[in-house]
Amino acid sequence: MEVGEMRTKQGEVLASRLREWTDSGLISPGQADRILQFEQAEASRARRRIPLITEALAYVGAVLAITGGGVAIAQVWEDMSAGAHVALLGAGTGMAFLGGWLAKPSKEPAFQRLVDVLWLISVGGIVATFALLFAEYYNTADRDAALFTALFATAWSAMLYALRRHAIELIVLYGAVHASAIAAIVYPEGGNRSWAYASVVWGLGAIMAFLGWRGVAQPAAVGLPLGAFGMMVAPSLATGQYGWALGVGIVTAAGAMAFSVWTRYVPLLVFGSIAMFGYITATVVRYLGDQLGVPVALAVAGALILAMAVGVARLFKVAASGPPDAVDAEGSAEPPVRIAS
């Protein structure tokens, strides 16, 4: 039997079963229609699916074609004017964006992945275009070029995320905002600003984690851990000059672990445990290494880590056990805190 005939047969069986359920009063006619429409859409998507090997070969071919074009352009790059450089990169960026825009309406998963790839390339193209525009065409100072390029990249990334709230677009926007903030910090000359880097990265991470938790930054499964990761990495940017940053790291890791138990969100407990391990070890070695010697200090850190491991194991058991029953006003069991989706 042909695949198409099998699917037709399955559709007829489903329609017959839905009629029986409707006649028996198990479901309403409207529910039967929605179920049938859903199954038909799923079957249509299955028929349209492009094999992964075909998709992979297409990407390989595209990479080879782009590489060949890049080599050809490199041979005449030095003979081109600054304006031609900017125009060429700008045209490539526009083509990448347009290609993603044309593929965006398709329901085929391969085309949806292609949109992410093309729009990621367009962000790189924006960075290269404006970097050349400010550095070669306008001959601006390096710090001016860095700041303006980062701001344009952030604006472009924000537009892409507004058009398509997917993981790649969210990650790129998050990175672009960091680039703009750091470019603004380094803009004034002189001074050690590692504490400022750490503060900005921590603050942006906290904002992203909160927005992901509340479901504003979609997908929430990316926004929350992405922001939490930034918060726990941020103190390490200042630990070389400032000992208090180790304390911030320990408090942040402890807060992430407590939050993970409160929300029953196990990945955050993993992040917090790893960060706690690193910051406790660094603190013991830094402040007790001279008095006790590095081997003894490491032994003390090991003992603290073992104690922490016991606590983490218990926290894992609590976080993985699921939320306690809490009946809401409508009588359904709900967790005390829910990660918005």
Foldseek 3Di string as FASTA:
>chain_A
DDPVVVVVVVLVVLLVVLVVCCVVVVDPPVVSVVVSVVVVVVVVQVVPEDDPVVLVVVVVVVVVVVVVVVVVCVVCVVVDALVVVLVVLVVQLVVLQVQLVVLVVDPHVSSVVSNLVSNVVSLVSLLVNQLSCVCRVVVHDPLVSQQVSLVVSLVSLVVVCVVPLDQSSLVSNLVSVLSNQVSVVPSDDDDDCLVVSLVVLLVSLVVQLVCLQACNRPPSVRSNVVSLLSNLCSLVSCVVPDVCSLVSNLVSLVVQLVVCLLALPVVSLVSSLVSNLVSLLVNLCVPVCVVPNNVVSNVVSVVVNVVVVVVSVVSNCSSNVDADFDQDPVGDGDHPGYRDD
